[in-house]
């Protein structure tokens, strides 16, 4: 997962330090399984009341998205219809035109 960098263990011969490294490695493995962390901040973008193209550049179809920073009073969602090739772009829609920063994963 690109969101969590790999952990490189150093064999020190120091038992307490080796245990700490084991714990860090276990935490890194657990974090790498959290799909929500494998994303990008996108924006700010203006999202209209009809389907609006948003470039996300994940290189794969997004699993989801939500607004981090809305600059107005609106609901924001992903419509059920998405681009045929969703590896770079996605459609978003809002109840009224709004500027937002999105977390796309």
C-alpha atoms as a PDB file:
ATOM      1  CA  UNK A   1       0.000   0.000   0.000  1.00  0.00           C
ATOM      2  CA  UNK A   2       1.516   3.349  -1.007  1.00  0.00           C
ATOM      3  CA  UNK A   3      -0.087   5.191   1.945  1.00  0.00           C
ATOM      4  CA  UNK A   4       2.057   3.436   4.563  1.00  0.00           C
ATOM      5  CA  UNK A   5       5.799   3.216   3.896  1.00  0.00           C
ATOM      6  CA  UNK A   6       7.504  -0.137   4.500  1.00  0.00           C
ATOM      7  CA  UNK A   7       9.343  -0.688   7.763  1.00  0.00           C
ATOM      8  CA  UNK A   8      12.944  -1.816   7.556  1.00  0.00           C
ATOM      9  CA  UNK A   9      14.073  -3.744  10.611  1.00  0.00           C
ATOM     10  CA  UNK A  10      17.681  -3.432  11.801  1.00  0.00           C
ATOM     11  CA  UNK A  11      19.062  -6.431  13.702  1.00  0.00           C
ATOM     12  CA  UNK A  12      20.811  -4.826  16.652  1.00  0.00           C
ATOM     13  CA  UNK A  13      21.327  -7.691  19.101  1.00  0.00           C
ATOM     14  CA  UNK A  14      19.742  -5.412  21.714  1.00  0.00           C
ATOM     15  CA  UNK A  15      16.682  -7.348  22.961  1.00  0.00           C
ATOM     16  CA  UNK A  16      14.578  -4.335  24.102  1.00  0.00           C
ATOM     17  CA  UNK A  17      15.263  -2.471  20.841  1.00  0.00           C
ATOM     18  CA  UNK A  18      14.503  -5.580  18.786  1.00  0.00           C
ATOM     19  CA  UNK A  19      11.145  -5.951  20.614  1.00  0.00           C
ATOM     20  CA  UNK A  20      10.308  -2.309  19.849  1.00  0.00           C
ATOM     21  CA  UNK A  21      11.110  -2.935  16.190  1.00  0.00           C
ATOM     22  CA  UNK A  22       8.880  -6.028  16.230  1.00  0.00           C
ATOM     23  CA  UNK A  23       6.027  -3.907  17.612  1.00  0.00           C
ATOM     24  CA  UNK A  24       6.583  -1.188  15.003  1.00  0.00           C
ATOM     25  CA  UNK A  25       6.603  -3.830  12.244  1.00  0.00           C
ATOM     26  CA  UNK A  26       3.307  -5.261  13.553  1.00  0.00           C
ATOM     27  CA  UNK A  27       1.748  -1.773  13.644  1.00  0.00           C
ATOM     28  CA  UNK A  28       2.954  -1.033  10.106  1.00  0.00           C
ATOM     29  CA  UNK A  29       1.422  -4.292   8.877  1.00  0.00           C
ATOM     30  CA  UNK A  30      -1.914  -3.467  10.538  1.00  0.00           C
ATOM     31  CA  UNK A  31      -1.927   0.060   9.076  1.00  0.00           C
ATOM     32  CA  UNK A  32      -1.143  -1.259   5.602  1.00  0.00           C
ATOM     33  CA  UNK A  33      -4.464  -3.161   5.686  1.00  0.00           C
ATOM     34  CA  UNK A  34      -6.521   0.021   6.238  1.00  0.00           C
ATOM     35  CA  UNK A  35      -7.712   0.880   2.721  1.00  0.00           C
ATOM     36  CA  UNK A  36      -8.843   4.357   3.771  1.00  0.00           C
ATOM     37  CA  UNK A  37      -5.185   5.390   4.214  1.00  0.00           C
ATOM     38  CA  UNK A  38      -4.368   4.564   0.581  1.00  0.00           C
ATOM     39  CA  UNK A  39      -5.669   7.838  -0.842  1.00  0.00           C
ATOM     40  CA  UNK A  40      -5.001  11.425  -1.784  1.00  0.00           C
ATOM     41  CA  UNK A  41      -6.249  14.881  -0.951  1.00  0.00           C
ATOM     42  CA  UNK A  42      -7.833  16.416  -4.032  1.00  0.00           C
ATOM     43  CA  UNK A  43      -8.721  20.059  -4.360  1.00  0.00           C
ATOM     44  CA  UNK A  44      -9.988  22.462  -3.721  1.00  0.00           C
ATOM     45  CA  UNK A  45     -12.411  21.674  -6.555  1.00  0.00           C
ATOM     46  CA  UNK A  46     -15.759  23.195  -7.469  1.00  0.00           C
ATOM     47  CA  UNK A  47     -18.477  20.552  -7.538  1.00  0.00           C
ATOM     48  CA  UNK A  48     -21.715  21.380  -9.309  1.00  0.00           C
ATOM     49  CA  UNK A  49     -25.313  20.301  -8.857  1.00  0.00           C
ATOM     50  CA  UNK A  50     -24.858  17.916 -11.807  1.00  0.00           C
ATOM     51  CA  UNK A  51     -22.132  15.291 -12.261  1.00  0.00           C
ATOM     52  CA  UNK A  52     -18.772  17.066 -12.169  1.00  0.00           C
ATOM     53  CA  UNK A  53     -15.485  15.507 -13.341  1.00  0.00           C
ATOM     54  CA  UNK A  54     -12.873  15.432 -10.562  1.00  0.00           C
ATOM     55  CA  UNK A  55      -9.321  14.309 -11.366  1.00  0.00           C
ATOM     56  CA  UNK A  56      -7.909  12.122  -8.599  1.00  0.00           C
ATOM     57  CA  UNK A  57      -4.774  10.576 -10.233  1.00  0.00           C
ATOM     58  CA  UNK A  58      -4.852   7.435  -8.063  1.00  0.00           C
ATOM     59  CA  UNK A  59      -4.008   5.244 -11.043  1.00  0.00           C
ATOM     60  CA  UNK A  60      -6.910   2.946 -10.104  1.00  0.00           C
ATOM     61  CA  UNK A  61     -10.646   3.279  -9.592  1.00  0.00           C
ATOM     62  CA  UNK A  62     -11.347   4.953  -6.249  1.00  0.00           C
ATOM     63  CA  UNK A  63     -12.948   2.953  -3.452  1.00  0.00           C
ATOM     64  CA  UNK A  64     -14.642   6.046  -2.052  1.00  0.00           C
ATOM     65  CA  UNK A  65     -14.438   9.761  -1.359  1.00  0.00           C
ATOM     66  CA  UNK A  66     -15.638  12.266   1.187  1.00  0.00           C
ATOM     67  CA  UNK A  67     -15.428  16.017   1.674  1.00  0.00           C
ATOM     68  CA  UNK A  68     -12.753  17.208   4.087  1.00  0.00           C
ATOM     69  CA  UNK A  69     -13.358  20.944   3.727  1.00  0.00           C
ATOM     70  CA  UNK A  70     -16.653  22.283   2.380  1.00  0.00           C
ATOM     71  CA  UNK A  71     -16.721  26.001   1.628  1.00  0.00           C
ATOM     72  CA  UNK A  72     -20.476  26.290   1.671  1.00  0.00           C
ATOM     73  CA  UNK A  73     -23.625  24.508   2.812  1.00  0.00           C
ATOM     74  CA  UNK A  74     -24.046  21.464   0.554  1.00  0.00           C
ATOM     75  CA  UNK A  75     -24.228  17.679   0.515  1.00  0.00           C
ATOM     76  CA  UNK A  76     -21.562  16.016  -1.665  1.00  0.00           C
ATOM     77  CA  UNK A  77     -21.754  12.480  -3.079  1.00  0.00           C
ATOM     78  CA  UNK A  78     -20.491  10.129  -5.808  1.00  0.00           C
ATOM     79  CA  UNK A  79     -23.278   9.482  -8.299  1.00  0.00           C
ATOM     80  CA  UNK A  80     -23.856   5.847  -9.238  1.00  0.00           C
ATOM     81  CA  UNK A  81     -22.705   6.454 -12.836  1.00  0.00           C
ATOM     82  CA  UNK A  82     -18.912   6.816 -13.060  1.00  0.00           C
ATOM     83  CA  UNK A  83     -16.483   7.173 -15.999  1.00  0.00           C
ATOM     84  CA  UNK A  84     -15.742   3.981 -17.931  1.00  0.00           C
ATOM     85  CA  UNK A  85     -12.036   4.463 -17.156  1.00  0.00           C
ATOM     86  CA  UNK A  86     -12.050   5.641 -13.526  1.00  0.00           C
ATOM     87  CA  UNK A  87      -8.275   5.333 -13.006  1.00  0.00           C
ATOM     88  CA  UNK A  88      -7.718   9.106 -13.282  1.00  0.00           C
ATOM     89  CA  UNK A  89     -11.128  10.792 -12.970  1.00  0.00           C
ATOM     90  CA  UNK A  90     -14.372  10.358 -11.076  1.00  0.00           C
ATOM     91  CA  UNK A  91     -17.732  12.096 -10.979  1.00  0.00           C
ATOM     92  CA  UNK A  92     -18.896  13.977  -7.913  1.00  0.00           C
ATOM     93  CA  UNK A  93     -22.147  15.843  -7.365  1.00  0.00           C
ATOM     94  CA  UNK A  94     -23.420  18.346  -4.801  1.00  0.00           C
ATOM     95  CA  UNK A  95     -26.850  19.534  -3.701  1.00  0.00           C
ATOM     96  CA  UNK A  96     -25.744  23.030  -4.720  1.00  0.00           C
ATOM     97  CA  UNK A  97     -22.508  24.237  -6.310  1.00  0.00           C
ATOM     98  CA  UNK A  98     -19.745  24.203  -3.698  1.00  0.00           C
ATOM     99  CA  UNK A  99     -15.959  24.316  -3.443  1.00  0.00           C
ATOM    100  CA  UNK A 100     -14.505  21.424  -1.463  1.00  0.00           C
ATOM    101  CA  UNK A 101     -11.339  19.515  -0.713  1.00  0.00           C
ATOM    102  CA  UNK A 102     -11.857  15.752  -0.968  1.00  0.00           C
ATOM    103  CA  UNK A 103     -10.149  12.694   0.460  1.00  0.00           C
ATOM    104  CA  UNK A 104     -10.252  10.085  -2.300  1.00  0.00           C
ATOM    105  CA  UNK A 105      -9.155   6.524  -1.554  1.00  0.00           C
END
